[in-house]
N, C-alpha and C. Protein backbone atom coordinates (compact mmCIF):
# COMPACT_ATOMS: atom_id res chain seq x y z
N MET A 1 8.65 16.95 2.93
CA MET A 1 8.95 15.75 2.16
C MET A 1 8.44 14.49 2.86
N LEU A 2 8.79 14.34 4.15
CA LEU A 2 8.38 13.15 4.89
C LEU A 2 6.87 13.09 5.06
N VAL A 3 6.24 14.26 5.24
CA VAL A 3 4.78 14.29 5.40
C VAL A 3 4.09 13.81 4.13
N GLN A 4 4.57 14.28 2.98
CA GLN A 4 3.98 13.86 1.72
C GLN A 4 4.20 12.37 1.48
N ALA A 5 5.41 11.89 1.75
CA ALA A 5 5.70 10.46 1.57
C ALA A 5 4.84 9.60 2.50
N ALA A 6 4.70 10.06 3.76
CA ALA A 6 3.89 9.32 4.72
C ALA A 6 2.42 9.31 4.31
N GLY A 7 1.94 10.43 3.77
CA GLY A 7 0.56 10.49 3.30
C GLY A 7 0.30 9.52 2.15
N LEU A 8 1.23 9.45 1.21
CA LEU A 8 1.09 8.52 0.10
C LEU A 8 1.18 7.07 0.59
N ALA A 9 2.07 6.81 1.54
CA ALA A 9 2.19 5.47 2.11
C ALA A 9 0.91 5.06 2.82
N LEU A 10 0.27 6.03 3.49
CA LEU A 10 -1.00 5.74 4.17
C LEU A 10 -2.08 5.39 3.15
N LEU A 11 -2.12 6.13 2.05
CA LEU A 11 -3.08 5.81 0.99
C LEU A 11 -2.81 4.42 0.43
N ALA A 12 -1.52 4.09 0.27
CA ALA A 12 -1.16 2.76 -0.23
C ALA A 12 -1.57 1.67 0.76
N ALA A 13 -1.55 2.00 2.04
CA ALA A 13 -1.89 1.02 3.08
C ALA A 13 -3.37 0.68 3.12
N LEU A 14 -4.21 1.56 2.57
CA LEU A 14 -5.66 1.35 2.63
C LEU A 14 -6.08 0.31 1.60
N SER A 15 -5.65 -0.92 1.84
CA SER A 15 -5.92 -2.02 0.92
C SER A 15 -7.01 -2.92 1.49
N PRO A 16 -8.17 -3.01 0.84
CA PRO A 16 -9.23 -3.90 1.32
C PRO A 16 -8.75 -5.35 1.42
N THR A 17 -7.95 -5.78 0.44
CA THR A 17 -7.46 -7.16 0.44
C THR A 17 -6.60 -7.45 1.66
N ALA A 18 -5.71 -6.51 2.00
CA ALA A 18 -4.82 -6.71 3.15
C ALA A 18 -5.61 -6.89 4.43
N LEU A 19 -6.67 -6.12 4.61
CA LEU A 19 -7.47 -6.21 5.83
C LEU A 19 -8.35 -7.45 5.83
N LEU A 20 -8.89 -7.81 4.68
CA LEU A 20 -9.71 -9.02 4.59
C LEU A 20 -8.88 -10.26 4.94
N VAL A 21 -7.65 -10.29 4.46
CA VAL A 21 -6.78 -11.44 4.73
C VAL A 21 -6.46 -11.56 6.21
N VAL A 22 -6.08 -10.45 6.84
CA VAL A 22 -5.74 -10.52 8.25
C VAL A 22 -6.96 -10.86 9.10
N ALA A 23 -8.15 -10.45 8.65
CA ALA A 23 -9.38 -10.79 9.37
C ALA A 23 -9.60 -12.31 9.35
N VAL A 24 -9.33 -12.92 8.21
CA VAL A 24 -9.46 -14.38 8.10
C VAL A 24 -8.43 -15.07 8.98
N TYR A 25 -7.20 -14.59 8.96
CA TYR A 25 -6.14 -15.23 9.74
C TYR A 25 -6.38 -15.11 11.24
N LEU A 26 -6.90 -13.98 11.68
CA LEU A 26 -7.15 -13.81 13.11
C LEU A 26 -8.35 -14.62 13.59
N GLY A 27 -9.10 -15.18 12.65
CA GLY A 27 -10.20 -16.07 13.01
C GLY A 27 -9.87 -17.53 12.78
N SER A 28 -8.61 -17.82 12.46
CA SER A 28 -8.18 -19.18 12.17
C SER A 28 -7.83 -19.94 13.46
N ALA A 29 -7.39 -21.19 13.30
CA ALA A 29 -7.07 -22.03 14.46
C ALA A 29 -5.85 -21.51 15.23
N SER A 30 -4.88 -20.96 14.51
CA SER A 30 -3.67 -20.39 15.15
C SER A 30 -3.55 -18.93 14.74
N PRO A 31 -4.40 -18.08 15.28
CA PRO A 31 -4.48 -16.69 14.80
C PRO A 31 -3.20 -15.89 14.94
N GLY A 32 -2.60 -15.91 16.13
CA GLY A 32 -1.40 -15.11 16.36
C GLY A 32 -0.24 -15.53 15.47
N LYS A 33 0.05 -16.81 15.41
CA LYS A 33 1.16 -17.33 14.63
C LYS A 33 0.97 -17.06 13.15
N THR A 34 -0.24 -17.32 12.66
CA THR A 34 -0.54 -17.13 11.24
C THR A 34 -0.41 -15.66 10.85
N ALA A 35 -0.95 -14.79 11.69
CA ALA A 35 -0.89 -13.35 11.40
C ALA A 35 0.54 -12.83 11.43
N VAL A 36 1.36 -13.37 12.32
CA VAL A 36 2.76 -12.94 12.39
C VAL A 36 3.51 -13.31 11.11
N TYR A 37 3.27 -14.51 10.60
CA TYR A 37 3.92 -14.91 9.34
C TYR A 37 3.43 -14.06 8.17
N TYR A 38 2.16 -13.73 8.19
CA TYR A 38 1.61 -12.84 7.17
C TYR A 38 2.30 -11.48 7.23
N LEU A 39 2.47 -10.95 8.44
CA LEU A 39 3.16 -9.68 8.62
C LEU A 39 4.61 -9.77 8.16
N ALA A 40 5.27 -10.90 8.44
CA ALA A 40 6.67 -11.07 8.03
C ALA A 40 6.80 -11.02 6.51
N GLY A 41 5.89 -11.69 5.81
CA GLY A 41 5.91 -11.64 4.34
C GLY A 41 5.66 -10.24 3.81
N ALA A 42 4.74 -9.54 4.46
CA ALA A 42 4.42 -8.17 4.04
C ALA A 42 5.61 -7.24 4.24
N VAL A 43 6.27 -7.35 5.39
CA VAL A 43 7.42 -6.49 5.69
C VAL A 43 8.57 -6.79 4.73
N LEU A 44 8.81 -8.08 4.48
CA LEU A 44 9.91 -8.45 3.57
C LEU A 44 9.68 -7.88 2.18
N MET A 45 8.51 -8.10 1.62
CA MET A 45 8.22 -7.62 0.26
C MET A 45 8.29 -6.09 0.19
N THR A 46 7.68 -5.42 1.16
CA THR A 46 7.68 -3.95 1.16
C THR A 46 9.08 -3.38 1.29
N THR A 47 9.89 -3.98 2.15
CA THR A 47 11.26 -3.50 2.34
C THR A 47 12.10 -3.70 1.08
N VAL A 48 11.97 -4.86 0.45
CA VAL A 48 12.72 -5.13 -0.78
C VAL A 48 12.32 -4.16 -1.89
N ILE A 49 11.01 -3.94 -2.04
CA ILE A 49 10.53 -3.00 -3.06
C ILE A 49 11.10 -1.61 -2.81
N ALA A 50 11.01 -1.16 -1.56
CA ALA A 50 11.49 0.19 -1.22
C ALA A 50 12.99 0.31 -1.48
N ALA A 51 13.76 -0.69 -1.10
CA ALA A 51 15.21 -0.63 -1.27
C ALA A 51 15.60 -0.61 -2.74
N VAL A 52 14.98 -1.47 -3.54
CA VAL A 52 15.30 -1.53 -4.97
C VAL A 52 14.92 -0.23 -5.67
N ALA A 53 13.71 0.26 -5.39
CA ALA A 53 13.25 1.51 -6.02
C ALA A 53 14.13 2.68 -5.60
N LEU A 54 14.52 2.68 -4.34
CA LEU A 54 15.37 3.76 -3.81
C LEU A 54 16.73 3.78 -4.51
N VAL A 55 17.33 2.62 -4.65
CA VAL A 55 18.64 2.52 -5.29
C VAL A 55 18.56 2.96 -6.75
N ILE A 56 17.52 2.51 -7.45
CA ILE A 56 17.38 2.86 -8.87
C ILE A 56 17.20 4.36 -9.05
N LEU A 57 16.32 4.95 -8.27
CA LEU A 57 16.05 6.38 -8.40
C LEU A 57 17.24 7.23 -7.97
N ARG A 58 17.93 6.82 -6.91
CA ARG A 58 19.10 7.57 -6.47
C ARG A 58 20.23 7.44 -7.50
N SER A 59 20.35 6.26 -8.09
CA SER A 59 21.39 6.04 -9.11
C SER A 59 21.13 6.90 -10.34
N ALA A 60 19.86 7.18 -10.60
CA ALA A 60 19.51 8.02 -11.75
C ALA A 60 19.80 9.50 -11.49
N GLY A 61 20.15 9.83 -10.25
CA GLY A 61 20.52 11.21 -9.93
C GLY A 61 19.35 12.17 -9.86
N LEU A 62 18.13 11.66 -9.62
CA LEU A 62 16.95 12.53 -9.62
C LEU A 62 16.88 13.47 -8.41
N SER A 63 17.73 13.23 -7.43
CA SER A 63 17.72 14.12 -6.26
C SER A 63 18.59 15.35 -6.47
N ARG A 64 19.36 15.38 -7.57
CA ARG A 64 20.23 16.53 -7.82
C ARG A 64 19.42 17.74 -8.27
N PRO A 65 19.84 18.95 -7.89
CA PRO A 65 19.10 20.17 -8.26
C PRO A 65 18.91 20.34 -9.76
N ASP A 66 19.90 19.92 -10.56
CA ASP A 66 19.80 20.11 -12.01
C ASP A 66 18.87 19.11 -12.69
N GLN A 67 18.32 18.18 -11.91
CA GLN A 67 17.43 17.17 -12.47
C GLN A 67 15.96 17.42 -12.08
N HIS A 68 15.64 18.68 -11.76
CA HIS A 68 14.29 18.96 -11.28
C HIS A 68 13.23 18.66 -12.33
N SER A 69 13.55 18.87 -13.61
CA SER A 69 12.56 18.60 -14.66
C SER A 69 12.24 17.11 -14.76
N ALA A 70 13.28 16.28 -14.71
CA ALA A 70 13.07 14.83 -14.76
C ALA A 70 12.34 14.36 -13.51
N ARG A 71 12.70 14.92 -12.35
CA ARG A 71 12.08 14.55 -11.08
C ARG A 71 10.59 14.91 -11.08
N ASP A 72 10.27 16.12 -11.48
CA ASP A 72 8.88 16.56 -11.49
C ASP A 72 8.09 15.87 -12.60
N GLY A 73 8.77 15.56 -13.71
CA GLY A 73 8.11 14.82 -14.78
C GLY A 73 7.74 13.42 -14.33
N LEU A 74 8.61 12.79 -13.53
CA LEU A 74 8.32 11.47 -12.98
C LEU A 74 7.10 11.53 -12.07
N ARG A 75 7.05 12.54 -11.21
CA ARG A 75 5.91 12.67 -10.30
C ARG A 75 4.61 12.91 -11.06
N LEU A 76 4.69 13.74 -12.09
CA LEU A 76 3.51 14.00 -12.90
C LEU A 76 3.04 12.73 -13.60
N GLY A 77 3.99 11.97 -14.14
CA GLY A 77 3.65 10.72 -14.82
C GLY A 77 3.01 9.71 -13.88
N LEU A 78 3.58 9.57 -12.69
CA LEU A 78 3.00 8.66 -11.70
C LEU A 78 1.61 9.13 -11.28
N GLY A 79 1.44 10.43 -11.14
CA GLY A 79 0.13 10.98 -10.76
C GLY A 79 -0.93 10.67 -11.80
N LEU A 80 -0.57 10.86 -13.07
CA LEU A 80 -1.52 10.55 -14.14
C LEU A 80 -1.85 9.07 -14.17
N LEU A 81 -0.84 8.23 -13.96
CA LEU A 81 -1.05 6.79 -13.93
C LEU A 81 -2.01 6.39 -12.82
N LEU A 82 -1.81 6.95 -11.62
CA LEU A 82 -2.68 6.64 -10.49
C LEU A 82 -4.10 7.13 -10.72
N ALA A 83 -4.23 8.35 -11.25
CA ALA A 83 -5.56 8.90 -11.50
C ALA A 83 -6.32 8.06 -12.52
N MET A 84 -5.64 7.64 -13.59
CA MET A 84 -6.29 6.80 -14.60
C MET A 84 -6.67 5.43 -14.03
N ALA A 85 -5.81 4.90 -13.16
CA ALA A 85 -6.12 3.62 -12.52
C ALA A 85 -7.36 3.74 -11.65
N GLY A 86 -7.47 4.86 -10.91
CA GLY A 86 -8.65 5.07 -10.08
C GLY A 86 -9.92 5.18 -10.90
N VAL A 87 -9.86 5.89 -12.02
CA VAL A 87 -11.02 6.01 -12.91
C VAL A 87 -11.40 4.65 -13.48
N ALA A 88 -10.39 3.85 -13.85
CA ALA A 88 -10.65 2.53 -14.41
C ALA A 88 -11.35 1.61 -13.40
N VAL A 89 -10.88 1.65 -12.14
CA VAL A 89 -11.50 0.83 -11.10
C VAL A 89 -12.94 1.26 -10.87
N LEU A 90 -13.18 2.58 -10.83
CA LEU A 90 -14.53 3.09 -10.60
C LEU A 90 -15.45 2.76 -11.77
N ALA A 91 -14.94 2.88 -13.00
CA ALA A 91 -15.74 2.56 -14.18
C ALA A 91 -16.14 1.09 -14.19
N ARG A 92 -15.21 0.23 -13.81
CA ARG A 92 -15.51 -1.20 -13.77
C ARG A 92 -16.58 -1.50 -12.72
N ARG A 93 -16.51 -0.79 -11.59
CA ARG A 93 -17.52 -0.98 -10.54
C ARG A 93 -18.89 -0.54 -11.02
N TRP A 94 -18.96 0.60 -11.73
CA TRP A 94 -20.25 1.09 -12.24
C TRP A 94 -20.85 0.11 -13.25
N ARG A 95 -19.98 -0.47 -14.10
CA ARG A 95 -20.49 -1.41 -15.10
C ARG A 95 -21.07 -2.67 -14.45
N ARG A 96 -20.37 -3.16 -13.43
CA ARG A 96 -20.79 -4.41 -12.79
C ARG A 96 -21.84 -4.20 -11.72
N GLY A 97 -21.88 -2.97 -11.15
CA GLY A 97 -22.78 -2.70 -10.04
C GLY A 97 -22.19 -3.21 -8.74
N PRO A 98 -22.86 -2.97 -7.60
CA PRO A 98 -22.36 -3.42 -6.30
C PRO A 98 -22.18 -4.93 -6.29
N GLU A 99 -21.02 -5.38 -5.88
CA GLU A 99 -20.75 -6.81 -5.87
C GLU A 99 -21.16 -7.42 -4.54
N PRO A 100 -21.79 -8.60 -4.55
CA PRO A 100 -22.15 -9.26 -3.31
C PRO A 100 -20.92 -9.78 -2.58
N ALA A 101 -21.07 -9.96 -1.30
CA ALA A 101 -19.95 -10.50 -0.52
C ALA A 101 -19.72 -11.95 -0.93
N ARG A 102 -18.57 -12.22 -1.51
CA ARG A 102 -18.27 -13.58 -1.95
C ARG A 102 -16.78 -13.79 -1.94
N GLN A 103 -16.39 -15.04 -1.91
CA GLN A 103 -14.98 -15.38 -1.94
C GLN A 103 -14.46 -15.35 -3.37
N GLY A 104 -13.24 -14.89 -3.53
CA GLY A 104 -12.63 -14.89 -4.84
C GLY A 104 -12.03 -16.25 -5.14
N HIS A 105 -11.46 -16.40 -6.32
CA HIS A 105 -10.91 -17.68 -6.73
C HIS A 105 -9.48 -17.53 -7.20
N GLY A 106 -8.82 -16.44 -6.84
CA GLY A 106 -7.45 -16.23 -7.24
C GLY A 106 -6.49 -16.97 -6.33
N ILE A 107 -5.18 -16.79 -6.60
CA ILE A 107 -4.17 -17.50 -5.82
C ILE A 107 -4.19 -17.07 -4.36
N VAL A 108 -4.44 -15.77 -4.09
CA VAL A 108 -4.50 -15.31 -2.70
C VAL A 108 -5.65 -15.98 -1.96
N SER A 109 -6.82 -16.08 -2.61
CA SER A 109 -7.98 -16.72 -1.98
C SER A 109 -7.70 -18.18 -1.66
N ARG A 110 -6.99 -18.86 -2.56
CA ARG A 110 -6.66 -20.26 -2.32
C ARG A 110 -5.69 -20.42 -1.16
N LEU A 111 -4.73 -19.50 -1.07
CA LEU A 111 -3.78 -19.55 0.04
C LEU A 111 -4.45 -19.26 1.37
N VAL A 112 -5.36 -18.29 1.38
CA VAL A 112 -6.05 -17.90 2.61
C VAL A 112 -7.02 -18.98 3.07
N ALA A 113 -7.54 -19.76 2.12
CA ALA A 113 -8.54 -20.79 2.45
C ALA A 113 -7.97 -21.86 3.39
N SER A 114 -6.66 -22.11 3.32
CA SER A 114 -6.02 -23.11 4.18
C SER A 114 -4.86 -22.47 4.92
N PRO A 115 -5.14 -21.74 5.99
CA PRO A 115 -4.09 -20.98 6.68
C PRO A 115 -3.01 -21.86 7.32
N THR A 116 -1.78 -21.63 6.94
CA THR A 116 -0.60 -22.23 7.56
C THR A 116 0.46 -21.13 7.62
N PRO A 117 1.48 -21.29 8.46
CA PRO A 117 2.53 -20.27 8.49
C PRO A 117 3.15 -20.03 7.12
N ARG A 118 3.41 -21.11 6.36
CA ARG A 118 4.03 -20.95 5.05
C ARG A 118 3.11 -20.23 4.07
N SER A 119 1.83 -20.61 4.04
CA SER A 119 0.90 -19.95 3.11
C SER A 119 0.63 -18.51 3.54
N ALA A 120 0.64 -18.25 4.85
CA ALA A 120 0.44 -16.88 5.34
C ALA A 120 1.61 -15.99 4.92
N PHE A 121 2.82 -16.50 5.01
CA PHE A 121 4.00 -15.74 4.59
C PHE A 121 3.92 -15.44 3.09
N ALA A 122 3.55 -16.45 2.30
CA ALA A 122 3.43 -16.26 0.85
C ALA A 122 2.33 -15.25 0.53
N THR A 123 1.25 -15.29 1.29
CA THR A 123 0.16 -14.34 1.07
C THR A 123 0.62 -12.91 1.36
N GLY A 124 1.39 -12.73 2.42
CA GLY A 124 1.91 -11.41 2.73
C GLY A 124 2.78 -10.87 1.62
N VAL A 125 3.60 -11.74 1.02
CA VAL A 125 4.45 -11.33 -0.09
C VAL A 125 3.60 -10.92 -1.30
N LEU A 126 2.58 -11.71 -1.60
CA LEU A 126 1.75 -11.43 -2.78
C LEU A 126 0.87 -10.20 -2.60
N VAL A 127 0.23 -10.08 -1.44
CA VAL A 127 -0.68 -8.95 -1.20
C VAL A 127 0.07 -7.62 -1.20
N PHE A 128 1.31 -7.65 -0.73
CA PHE A 128 2.09 -6.41 -0.66
C PHE A 128 3.12 -6.31 -1.78
N ALA A 129 2.79 -6.92 -2.92
CA ALA A 129 3.62 -6.78 -4.12
C ALA A 129 3.59 -5.32 -4.57
N PRO A 130 4.53 -4.92 -5.44
CA PRO A 130 4.65 -3.50 -5.82
C PRO A 130 3.34 -2.85 -6.24
N GLY A 131 3.04 -1.71 -5.65
CA GLY A 131 1.87 -0.91 -5.99
C GLY A 131 2.30 0.49 -6.38
N ALA A 132 1.58 1.10 -7.30
CA ALA A 132 1.97 2.42 -7.80
C ALA A 132 1.95 3.48 -6.71
N THR A 133 1.00 3.40 -5.78
CA THR A 133 0.91 4.41 -4.73
C THR A 133 2.09 4.32 -3.78
N PHE A 134 2.48 3.10 -3.43
CA PHE A 134 3.65 2.96 -2.57
C PHE A 134 4.93 3.39 -3.29
N LEU A 135 5.05 3.04 -4.56
CA LEU A 135 6.22 3.48 -5.33
C LEU A 135 6.27 5.00 -5.42
N ALA A 136 5.10 5.63 -5.46
CA ALA A 136 5.06 7.09 -5.46
C ALA A 136 5.60 7.64 -4.14
N ALA A 137 5.29 6.96 -3.03
CA ALA A 137 5.83 7.39 -1.73
C ALA A 137 7.34 7.23 -1.70
N VAL A 138 7.84 6.12 -2.26
CA VAL A 138 9.29 5.88 -2.29
C VAL A 138 10.00 6.95 -3.11
N GLN A 139 9.40 7.33 -4.25
CA GLN A 139 10.08 8.32 -5.10
C GLN A 139 10.15 9.69 -4.43
N VAL A 140 9.21 10.00 -3.56
CA VAL A 140 9.30 11.26 -2.82
C VAL A 140 10.55 11.26 -1.94
N ILE A 141 10.81 10.14 -1.28
CA ILE A 141 12.00 10.01 -0.44
C ILE A 141 13.26 10.00 -1.31
N ALA A 142 13.23 9.20 -2.38
CA ALA A 142 14.42 9.00 -3.20
C ALA A 142 14.86 10.25 -3.94
N THR A 143 13.91 11.10 -4.33
CA THR A 143 14.26 12.28 -5.12
C THR A 143 14.42 13.54 -4.29
N ALA A 144 14.28 13.41 -2.97
CA ALA A 144 14.44 14.57 -2.09
C ALA A 144 15.93 14.85 -1.86
N ARG A 145 16.26 16.12 -1.70
CA ARG A 145 17.66 16.51 -1.45
C ARG A 145 17.93 16.48 0.06
N VAL A 146 18.09 15.27 0.57
CA VAL A 146 18.32 15.08 2.01
C VAL A 146 19.49 14.12 2.21
N SER A 147 19.94 14.00 3.45
CA SER A 147 21.08 13.14 3.77
C SER A 147 20.70 11.67 3.68
N ILE A 148 21.71 10.81 3.66
CA ILE A 148 21.47 9.37 3.61
C ILE A 148 20.74 8.90 4.87
N GLY A 149 21.13 9.46 6.01
CA GLY A 149 20.47 9.09 7.26
C GLY A 149 18.99 9.39 7.25
N PHE A 150 18.64 10.58 6.76
CA PHE A 150 17.23 10.96 6.70
C PHE A 150 16.50 10.10 5.66
N THR A 151 17.18 9.73 4.61
CA THR A 151 16.58 8.86 3.59
C THR A 151 16.23 7.49 4.18
N VAL A 152 17.15 6.95 4.98
CA VAL A 152 16.91 5.65 5.62
C VAL A 152 15.74 5.73 6.59
N ILE A 153 15.71 6.80 7.38
CA ILE A 153 14.61 6.98 8.34
C ILE A 153 13.28 7.14 7.61
N GLY A 154 13.28 7.95 6.57
CA GLY A 154 12.05 8.16 5.81
C GLY A 154 11.56 6.88 5.16
N THR A 155 12.47 6.07 4.65
CA THR A 155 12.09 4.80 4.03
C THR A 155 11.51 3.85 5.07
N ALA A 156 12.12 3.80 6.26
CA ALA A 156 11.61 2.94 7.32
C ALA A 156 10.19 3.36 7.73
N VAL A 157 9.96 4.66 7.78
CA VAL A 157 8.63 5.17 8.17
C VAL A 157 7.56 4.75 7.16
N ILE A 158 7.86 4.89 5.86
CA ILE A 158 6.83 4.55 4.88
C ILE A 158 6.63 3.03 4.78
N VAL A 159 7.66 2.26 5.09
CA VAL A 159 7.49 0.80 5.12
C VAL A 159 6.55 0.41 6.25
N ILE A 160 6.76 0.99 7.42
CA ILE A 160 5.90 0.70 8.57
C ILE A 160 4.46 1.10 8.30
N ILE A 161 4.28 2.27 7.68
CA ILE A 161 2.92 2.74 7.37
C ILE A 161 2.27 1.86 6.32
N ASN A 162 3.04 1.44 5.32
CA ASN A 162 2.48 0.64 4.23
C ASN A 162 1.91 -0.69 4.71
N VAL A 163 2.52 -1.29 5.74
CA VAL A 163 2.04 -2.58 6.26
C VAL A 163 1.13 -2.38 7.47
N LEU A 164 0.56 -1.19 7.59
CA LEU A 164 -0.30 -0.84 8.73
C LEU A 164 -1.42 -1.85 8.95
N LEU A 165 -2.08 -2.27 7.87
CA LEU A 165 -3.22 -3.17 8.01
C LEU A 165 -2.79 -4.63 8.19
N ALA A 166 -1.48 -4.86 8.29
CA ALA A 166 -0.99 -6.18 8.64
C ALA A 166 -0.62 -6.24 10.12
N TRP A 167 -0.03 -5.14 10.65
CA TRP A 167 0.41 -5.17 12.05
C TRP A 167 -0.60 -4.58 13.03
N LEU A 168 -1.38 -3.57 12.62
CA LEU A 168 -2.31 -2.94 13.57
C LEU A 168 -3.41 -3.90 14.05
N PRO A 169 -4.07 -4.65 13.14
CA PRO A 169 -5.07 -5.61 13.63
C PRO A 169 -4.46 -6.65 14.56
N LEU A 170 -3.21 -7.05 14.29
CA LEU A 170 -2.54 -8.03 15.16
C LEU A 170 -2.32 -7.46 16.55
N VAL A 171 -1.87 -6.21 16.62
CA VAL A 171 -1.66 -5.56 17.92
C VAL A 171 -2.98 -5.45 18.68
N LEU A 172 -4.04 -5.05 17.98
CA LEU A 172 -5.36 -4.93 18.62
C LEU A 172 -5.86 -6.29 19.08
N TYR A 173 -5.57 -7.32 18.28
CA TYR A 173 -5.99 -8.68 18.64
C TYR A 173 -5.29 -9.15 19.90
N LEU A 174 -4.00 -8.86 20.03
CA LEU A 174 -3.25 -9.26 21.22
C LEU A 174 -3.77 -8.54 22.46
N ALA A 175 -4.26 -7.31 22.28
CA ALA A 175 -4.79 -6.53 23.40
C ALA A 175 -6.21 -6.95 23.77
N ALA A 176 -7.04 -7.21 22.75
CA ALA A 176 -8.44 -7.58 22.99
C ALA A 176 -8.88 -8.57 21.91
N PRO A 177 -8.57 -9.84 22.07
CA PRO A 177 -8.82 -10.84 21.02
C PRO A 177 -10.27 -10.93 20.57
N ARG A 178 -11.18 -11.12 21.49
CA ARG A 178 -12.58 -11.34 21.11
C ARG A 178 -13.20 -10.11 20.45
N LEU A 179 -12.97 -8.95 21.03
CA LEU A 179 -13.54 -7.71 20.48
C LEU A 179 -12.98 -7.43 19.08
N THR A 180 -11.67 -7.60 18.92
CA THR A 180 -11.04 -7.35 17.61
C THR A 180 -11.57 -8.30 16.55
N GLU A 181 -11.73 -9.58 16.91
CA GLU A 181 -12.24 -10.56 15.95
C GLU A 181 -13.67 -10.22 15.53
N GLN A 182 -14.49 -9.81 16.48
CA GLN A 182 -15.88 -9.44 16.18
C GLN A 182 -15.94 -8.22 15.27
N ARG A 183 -15.13 -7.21 15.56
CA ARG A 183 -15.15 -5.99 14.76
C ARG A 183 -14.64 -6.26 13.34
N LEU A 184 -13.60 -7.08 13.23
CA LEU A 184 -13.07 -7.39 11.90
C LEU A 184 -14.08 -8.18 11.07
N LYS A 185 -14.78 -9.10 11.69
CA LYS A 185 -15.79 -9.87 10.96
C LYS A 185 -16.93 -8.97 10.50
N ALA A 186 -17.33 -8.04 11.35
CA ALA A 186 -18.40 -7.12 10.98
C ALA A 186 -17.96 -6.21 9.84
N PHE A 187 -16.71 -5.80 9.86
CA PHE A 187 -16.18 -4.90 8.83
C PHE A 187 -15.89 -5.64 7.54
N ASN A 188 -15.71 -6.94 7.65
CA ASN A 188 -15.37 -7.77 6.49
C ASN A 188 -16.42 -7.64 5.39
N GLY A 189 -17.69 -7.74 5.76
CA GLY A 189 -18.76 -7.66 4.77
C GLY A 189 -18.81 -6.32 4.07
N TRP A 190 -18.62 -5.25 4.83
CA TRP A 190 -18.61 -3.90 4.22
C TRP A 190 -17.48 -3.77 3.22
N LEU A 191 -16.31 -4.28 3.57
CA LEU A 191 -15.17 -4.19 2.67
C LEU A 191 -15.40 -4.96 1.38
N ARG A 192 -16.01 -6.11 1.48
CA ARG A 192 -16.27 -6.91 0.28
C ARG A 192 -17.21 -6.18 -0.67
N ALA A 193 -18.14 -5.43 -0.10
CA ALA A 193 -19.12 -4.73 -0.93
C ALA A 193 -18.58 -3.39 -1.47
N HIS A 194 -17.72 -2.75 -0.72
CA HIS A 194 -17.27 -1.39 -1.08
C HIS A 194 -15.77 -1.27 -1.30
N GLY A 195 -15.07 -2.40 -1.35
CA GLY A 195 -13.62 -2.36 -1.49
C GLY A 195 -13.15 -1.68 -2.75
N SER A 196 -13.84 -1.91 -3.87
CA SER A 196 -13.41 -1.30 -5.14
C SER A 196 -13.57 0.21 -5.11
N ALA A 197 -14.62 0.69 -4.45
CA ALA A 197 -14.81 2.15 -4.34
C ALA A 197 -13.72 2.76 -3.47
N LEU A 198 -13.34 2.08 -2.39
CA LEU A 198 -12.25 2.56 -1.53
C LEU A 198 -10.94 2.60 -2.31
N LEU A 199 -10.69 1.55 -3.08
CA LEU A 199 -9.46 1.50 -3.88
C LEU A 199 -9.42 2.63 -4.90
N ALA A 200 -10.54 2.85 -5.59
CA ALA A 200 -10.60 3.92 -6.59
C ALA A 200 -10.35 5.29 -5.94
N GLY A 201 -10.92 5.50 -4.77
CA GLY A 201 -10.74 6.77 -4.08
C GLY A 201 -9.30 7.02 -3.68
N THR A 202 -8.63 6.00 -3.13
CA THR A 202 -7.25 6.18 -2.71
C THR A 202 -6.33 6.42 -3.91
N LEU A 203 -6.58 5.72 -5.01
CA LEU A 203 -5.77 5.93 -6.22
C LEU A 203 -5.96 7.35 -6.75
N ALA A 204 -7.20 7.81 -6.76
CA ALA A 204 -7.49 9.14 -7.28
C ALA A 204 -6.85 10.23 -6.42
N VAL A 205 -6.95 10.10 -5.10
CA VAL A 205 -6.36 11.10 -4.20
C VAL A 205 -4.84 11.15 -4.37
N ALA A 206 -4.20 9.97 -4.40
CA ALA A 206 -2.75 9.93 -4.58
C ALA A 206 -2.36 10.53 -5.93
N GLY A 207 -3.16 10.25 -6.96
CA GLY A 207 -2.88 10.79 -8.28
C GLY A 207 -2.96 12.31 -8.31
N VAL A 208 -3.97 12.86 -7.68
CA VAL A 208 -4.14 14.32 -7.65
C VAL A 208 -2.96 14.98 -6.92
N ILE A 209 -2.53 14.38 -5.81
CA ILE A 209 -1.40 14.93 -5.05
C ILE A 209 -0.14 15.00 -5.92
N LEU A 210 0.14 13.90 -6.63
CA LEU A 210 1.36 13.86 -7.44
C LEU A 210 1.24 14.74 -8.69
N ILE A 211 0.07 14.81 -9.28
CA ILE A 211 -0.12 15.69 -10.44
C ILE A 211 0.11 17.14 -10.05
N PHE A 212 -0.45 17.56 -8.94
CA PHE A 212 -0.25 18.93 -8.46
C PHE A 212 1.23 19.18 -8.16
N ASP A 213 1.86 18.23 -7.48
CA ASP A 213 3.27 18.38 -7.10
C ASP A 213 4.15 18.46 -8.35
N GLY A 214 3.89 17.57 -9.32
CA GLY A 214 4.69 17.57 -10.53
C GLY A 214 4.49 18.83 -11.36
N CYS A 215 3.26 19.26 -11.51
CA CYS A 215 2.97 20.49 -12.28
C CYS A 215 3.58 21.71 -11.61
N TYR A 216 3.47 21.77 -10.29
CA TYR A 216 4.03 22.92 -9.55
C TYR A 216 5.54 22.98 -9.74
N GLY A 217 6.20 21.84 -9.67
CA GLY A 217 7.64 21.80 -9.83
C GLY A 217 8.06 22.18 -11.25
N LEU A 218 7.33 21.70 -12.24
CA LEU A 218 7.68 22.01 -13.63
C LEU A 218 7.47 23.50 -13.95
N ILE A 219 6.42 24.09 -13.36
CA ILE A 219 6.12 25.49 -13.62
C ILE A 219 7.09 26.42 -12.93
N THR A 220 7.39 26.12 -11.65
CA THR A 220 8.25 27.00 -10.85
C THR A 220 9.73 26.67 -11.01
N GLY A 221 10.03 25.46 -11.49
CA GLY A 221 11.43 25.06 -11.64
C GLY A 221 12.12 24.78 -10.32
N SER A 222 11.33 24.44 -9.30
CA SER A 222 11.90 24.19 -7.97
C SER A 222 12.01 22.70 -7.70
């Protein structure tokens, strides 16, 4: 259970936007402080999402043995949703072709353009807003027949993994500032050009995992 949830959380963590933002912040005038506020916003949003989703799913009784059909149906539905989202992202990329490295004009781009602790915190909240892949990881924990203690531990693990691209670059920066900044800048251009393909791939993989899990549960009744 925990392995599957952690795997889905890792797929959710592979966000090009999250890494692009932290790369910009670590190259700003106050890199450490700005990145810490960004991480704080990310952790807060992820924790709130996980807690709310966990309470809702547990309240629905999906962890009970007699609710296996509803539980597996939920996983199948989420898997289909993720797979379709991945196909949609890939189709849009094929229609538009490879996109040049350029700045966006959305609210996140505007916040990142003028880094401050307050804007960095807000950016962390927005970038780590609810995502289907992370919610899929939460439902694995919430619908498992395990103790409350194990549920809390499992939720903490997937929260930490989900914000991986917010805290790992910061840790690397504190250990080797110049090298980390250079590597992030070099990787920045690749992400801008291939971010949509990475997103489509992670959505598709997560979708396949949940579709298989849901179908297996519905067929075997386990």
